[in-house]
Amino acid sequence: MARVTVEDCVTRVPNRFELVLVAAQRARDIASGGLITVDRDNDKNPVVALREIADYTIEVDALQNALVTGLQKQPEIDEPEEDHDLSIGEQTWPDGAGAVALEEELKDDMQFVDAEEGDAELEGEADELSEEKLGGAEFSDEI
């Protein structure tokens, strides 16, 4: 009789290995005092579990969830989501303070860039002045 029951259950739970796990979970539930939804007919708990699965009298999804929960070492606990409000120790900036800091940083960068451009212009002017003082005379390196 169990073989026919397994063949009937395969239509409900296509994977035979998963069927064994689910039926074993249901058999454990029956052994611990769970209510039976079909007639026992002098059958043992695993056969009753398979008959219940085949007759669609129990939810397979609920059994699968119970099986996973039972096998977990640390059960999953639903914790409330954290509030993203400010907590102690976090810095707060007044409105517009970020824009002011950014503007000051940009001014500092612009002064630095302007100073570099000014240095390049001074070097160019120095080259022109040295040519003017020398009068355009060419010198050789020979001694």
C-alpha atoms as a PDB file:
ATOM      1  CA  MET A   1       0.000   0.000   0.000  1.00  0.00           C
ATOM      2  CA  ALA A   2       2.856   2.418   0.706  1.00  0.00           C
ATOM      3  CA  ARG A   3       4.213   2.038  -2.821  1.00  0.00           C
ATOM      4  CA  VAL A   4       0.907   3.106  -4.356  1.00  0.00           C
ATOM      5  CA  THR A   5       0.790   6.029  -1.901  1.00  0.00           C
ATOM      6  CA  VAL A   6       4.279   7.179  -2.928  1.00  0.00           C
ATOM      7  CA  GLU A   7       3.248   7.090  -6.588  1.00  0.00           C
ATOM      8  CA  ASP A   8       0.182   9.167  -5.747  1.00  0.00           C
ATOM      9  CA  CYS A   9       2.271  11.682  -3.803  1.00  0.00           C
ATOM     10  CA  VAL A  10       4.751  12.202  -6.632  1.00  0.00           C
ATOM     11  CA  THR A  11       2.070  14.143  -8.517  1.00  0.00           C
ATOM     12  CA  ARG A  12       1.880  16.568  -5.591  1.00  0.00           C
ATOM     13  CA  VAL A  13       5.611  16.701  -4.722  1.00  0.00           C
ATOM     14  CA  PRO A  14       7.553  15.840  -7.906  1.00  0.00           C
ATOM     15  CA  ASN A  15      10.941  15.329  -6.239  1.00  0.00           C
ATOM     16  CA  ARG A  16      11.014  11.992  -4.393  1.00  0.00           C
ATOM     17  CA  PHE A  17      13.760  13.149  -2.035  1.00  0.00           C
ATOM     18  CA  GLU A  18      11.766  16.215  -1.056  1.00  0.00           C
ATOM     19  CA  LEU A  19       8.705  14.004  -0.639  1.00  0.00           C
ATOM     20  CA  VAL A  20      10.602  11.831   1.831  1.00  0.00           C
ATOM     21  CA  LEU A  21      11.678  14.885   3.845  1.00  0.00           C
ATOM     22  CA  VAL A  22       8.169  16.376   3.891  1.00  0.00           C
ATOM     23  CA  ALA A  23       6.530  13.057   4.807  1.00  0.00           C
ATOM     24  CA  ALA A  24       9.065  12.517   7.593  1.00  0.00           C
ATOM     25  CA  GLN A  25       8.294  15.981   8.957  1.00  0.00           C
ATOM     26  CA  ARG A  26       4.574  15.222   8.911  1.00  0.00           C
ATOM     27  CA  ALA A  27       5.199  11.837  10.588  1.00  0.00           C
ATOM     28  CA  ARG A  28       7.118  13.648  13.348  1.00  0.00           C
ATOM     29  CA  ASP A  29       4.215  16.068  13.736  1.00  0.00           C
ATOM     30  CA  ILE A  30       1.768  13.149  14.061  1.00  0.00           C
ATOM     31  CA  ALA A  31       4.057  11.431  16.593  1.00  0.00           C
ATOM     32  CA  SER A  32       4.194  14.612  18.686  1.00  0.00           C
ATOM     33  CA  GLY A  33       0.394  14.784  18.860  1.00  0.00           C
ATOM     34  CA  GLY A  34      -0.667  16.470  15.618  1.00  0.00           C
ATOM     35  CA  LEU A  35      -4.211  15.829  14.421  1.00  0.00           C
ATOM     36  CA  ILE A  36      -4.627  13.271  11.648  1.00  0.00           C
ATOM     37  CA  THR A  37      -6.750  14.382   8.687  1.00  0.00           C
ATOM     38  CA  VAL A  38      -7.392  10.887   7.218  1.00  0.00           C
ATOM     39  CA  ASP A  39      -8.457   7.567   8.737  1.00  0.00           C
ATOM     40  CA  ARG A  40      -5.560   5.751  10.340  1.00  0.00           C
ATOM     41  CA  ASP A  41      -6.659   2.247   9.201  1.00  0.00           C
ATOM     42  CA  ASN A  42      -4.057   0.668  11.496  1.00  0.00           C
ATOM     43  CA  ASP A  43      -1.214   2.345   9.493  1.00  0.00           C
ATOM     44  CA  LYS A  44       1.979   3.714  10.924  1.00  0.00           C
ATOM     45  CA  ASN A  45       2.730   7.454  11.015  1.00  0.00           C
ATOM     46  CA  PRO A  46       4.850   7.609   7.804  1.00  0.00           C
ATOM     47  CA  VAL A  47       2.128   5.876   5.785  1.00  0.00           C
ATOM     48  CA  VAL A  48      -0.526   8.171   7.264  1.00  0.00           C
ATOM     49  CA  ALA A  49       1.642  11.178   6.362  1.00  0.00           C
ATOM     50  CA  LEU A  50       1.971   9.963   2.763  1.00  0.00           C
ATOM     51  CA  ARG A  51      -1.785   9.368   2.545  1.00  0.00           C
ATOM     52  CA  GLU A  52      -2.451  12.887   3.815  1.00  0.00           C
ATOM     53  CA  ILE A  53      -0.098  14.343   1.201  1.00  0.00           C
ATOM     54  CA  ALA A  54      -1.714  12.273  -1.572  1.00  0.00           C
ATOM     55  CA  ASP A  55      -5.259  13.250  -0.510  1.00  0.00           C
ATOM     56  CA  TYR A  56      -4.425  17.004  -0.403  1.00  0.00           C
ATOM     57  CA  THR A  57      -5.599  17.265   3.222  1.00  0.00           C
ATOM     58  CA  ILE A  58      -2.511  19.127   4.434  1.00  0.00           C
ATOM     59  CA  GLU A  59      -0.457  22.045   3.115  1.00  0.00           C
ATOM     60  CA  VAL A  60       2.890  20.911   1.690  1.00  0.00           C
ATOM     61  CA  ASP A  61       4.283  24.455   1.830  1.00  0.00           C
ATOM     62  CA  ALA A  62       3.628  24.649   5.567  1.00  0.00           C
ATOM     63  CA  LEU A  63       5.422  21.317   6.047  1.00  0.00           C
ATOM     64  CA  GLN A  64       8.398  22.525   4.002  1.00  0.00           C
ATOM     65  CA  ASN A  65       8.633  25.709   6.077  1.00  0.00           C
ATOM     66  CA  ALA A  66       8.400  23.702   9.311  1.00  0.00           C
ATOM     67  CA  LEU A  67      11.118  21.369   8.029  1.00  0.00           C
ATOM     68  CA  VAL A  68      13.489  24.223   7.202  1.00  0.00           C
ATOM     69  CA  THR A  69      12.790  25.958  10.502  1.00  0.00           C
ATOM     70  CA  GLY A  70      13.407  22.727  12.393  1.00  0.00           C
ATOM     71  CA  LEU A  71      16.774  22.184  10.694  1.00  0.00           C
ATOM     72  CA  GLN A  72      18.061  25.697  11.339  1.00  0.00           C
ATOM     73  CA  LYS A  73      20.580  26.021  14.140  1.00  0.00           C
ATOM     74  CA  GLN A  74      19.723  29.652  14.762  1.00  0.00           C
ATOM     75  CA  PRO A  75      16.070  30.341  14.040  1.00  0.00           C
ATOM     76  CA  GLU A  76      15.376  33.464  12.051  1.00  0.00           C
ATOM     77  CA  ILE A  77      13.964  36.220  14.239  1.00  0.00           C
ATOM     78  CA  ASP A  78      12.001  39.066  12.730  1.00  0.00           C
ATOM     79  CA  GLU A  79      13.576  42.245  14.037  1.00  0.00           C
ATOM     80  CA  PRO A  80      12.042  45.652  13.499  1.00  0.00           C
ATOM     81  CA  GLU A  81      13.776  47.742  10.885  1.00  0.00           C
ATOM     82  CA  GLU A  82      16.190  50.330  12.172  1.00  0.00           C
ATOM     83  CA  ASP A  83      15.164  53.944  12.058  1.00  0.00           C
ATOM     84  CA  HIS A  84      17.493  56.010   9.978  1.00  0.00           C
ATOM     85  CA  ASP A  85      17.075  58.987  12.282  1.00  0.00           C
ATOM     86  CA  LEU A  86      20.134  60.651  13.691  1.00  0.00           C
ATOM     87  CA  SER A  87      21.690  58.865  16.599  1.00  0.00           C
ATOM     88  CA  ILE A  88      24.143  60.066  19.212  1.00  0.00           C
ATOM     89  CA  GLY A  89      27.580  60.749  17.803  1.00  0.00           C
ATOM     90  CA  GLU A  90      26.544  61.578  14.259  1.00  0.00           C
ATOM     91  CA  GLN A  91      27.487  64.996  12.999  1.00  0.00           C
ATOM     92  CA  THR A  92      24.796  67.329  11.879  1.00  0.00           C
ATOM     93  CA  TRP A  93      25.408  70.270   9.598  1.00  0.00           C
ATOM     94  CA  PRO A  94      23.243  73.349   9.505  1.00  0.00           C
ATOM     95  CA  ASP A  95      21.330  73.993   6.321  1.00  0.00           C
ATOM     96  CA  GLY A  96      23.590  75.378   3.617  1.00  0.00           C
ATOM     97  CA  ALA A  97      26.800  74.634   5.531  1.00  0.00           C
ATOM     98  CA  GLY A  98      27.815  72.036   2.967  1.00  0.00           C
ATOM     99  CA  ALA A  99      27.401  74.536   0.148  1.00  0.00           C
ATOM    100  CA  VAL A 100      29.505  77.119   2.004  1.00  0.00           C
ATOM    101  CA  ALA A 101      32.289  74.608   2.658  1.00  0.00           C
ATOM    102  CA  LEU A 102      32.229  73.516  -0.990  1.00  0.00           C
ATOM    103  CA  GLU A 103      32.372  77.112  -2.171  1.00  0.00           C
ATOM    104  CA  GLU A 104      35.362  77.866   0.098  1.00  0.00           C
ATOM    105  CA  GLU A 105      37.140  74.753  -1.161  1.00  0.00           C
ATOM    106  CA  LEU A 106      36.566  75.830  -4.746  1.00  0.00           C
ATOM    107  CA  LYS A 107      37.930  79.315  -3.984  1.00  0.00           C
ATOM    108  CA  ASP A 108      41.071  77.776  -2.479  1.00  0.00           C
ATOM    109  CA  ASP A 109      41.518  75.569  -5.544  1.00  0.00           C
ATOM    110  CA  MET A 110      41.021  78.508  -7.887  1.00  0.00           C
ATOM    111  CA  GLN A 111      43.654  80.545  -6.017  1.00  0.00           C
ATOM    112  CA  PHE A 112      46.077  77.644  -6.334  1.00  0.00           C
ATOM    113  CA  VAL A 113      45.361  77.313 -10.064  1.00  0.00           C
ATOM    114  CA  ASP A 114      45.682  81.068 -10.547  1.00  0.00           C
ATOM    115  CA  ALA A 115      49.035  81.008  -8.728  1.00  0.00           C
ATOM    116  CA  GLU A 116      50.299  78.221 -11.004  1.00  0.00           C
ATOM    117  CA  GLU A 117      49.206  80.114 -14.111  1.00  0.00           C
ATOM    118  CA  GLY A 118      50.874  83.256 -12.754  1.00  0.00           C
ATOM    119  CA  ASP A 119      54.133  81.305 -12.242  1.00  0.00           C
ATOM    120  CA  ALA A 120      54.004  80.107 -15.830  1.00  0.00           C
ATOM    121  CA  GLU A 121      53.466  83.669 -17.061  1.00  0.00           C
ATOM    122  CA  LEU A 122      56.373  84.927 -14.936  1.00  0.00           C
ATOM    123  CA  GLU A 123      58.661  82.267 -16.407  1.00  0.00           C
ATOM    124  CA  GLY A 124      57.659  83.306 -19.915  1.00  0.00           C
ATOM    125  CA  GLU A 125      58.337  86.972 -19.104  1.00  0.00           C
ATOM    126  CA  ALA A 126      61.716  86.095 -17.584  1.00  0.00           C
ATOM    127  CA  ASP A 127      62.735  84.366 -20.812  1.00  0.00           C
ATOM    128  CA  GLU A 128      61.730  87.430 -22.836  1.00  0.00           C
ATOM    129  CA  LEU A 129      63.635  89.785 -20.467  1.00  0.00           C
ATOM    130  CA  SER A 130      66.828  87.760 -20.631  1.00  0.00           C
ATOM    131  CA  GLU A 131      66.767  87.852 -24.431  1.00  0.00           C
ATOM    132  CA  GLU A 132      66.234  91.624 -24.387  1.00  0.00           C
ATOM    133  CA  LYS A 133      69.164  92.223 -21.999  1.00  0.00           C
ATOM    134  CA  LEU A 134      71.488  90.078 -24.041  1.00  0.00           C
ATOM    135  CA  GLY A 135      70.568  91.953 -27.149  1.00  0.00           C
ATOM    136  CA  GLY A 136      69.863  88.872 -29.123  1.00  0.00           C
ATOM    137  CA  ALA A 137      73.526  87.873 -29.120  1.00  0.00           C
ATOM    138  CA  GLU A 138      74.253  84.243 -29.522  1.00  0.00           C
ATOM    139  CA  PHE A 139      76.871  82.591 -27.385  1.00  0.00           C
ATOM    140  CA  SER A 140      78.605  79.343 -28.021  1.00  0.00           C
ATOM    141  CA  ASP A 141      79.685  76.839 -25.464  1.00  0.00           C
ATOM    142  CA  GLU A 142      83.175  76.563 -26.884  1.00  0.00           C
ATOM    143  CA  ILE A 143      86.077  77.757 -24.795  1.00  0.00           C
END
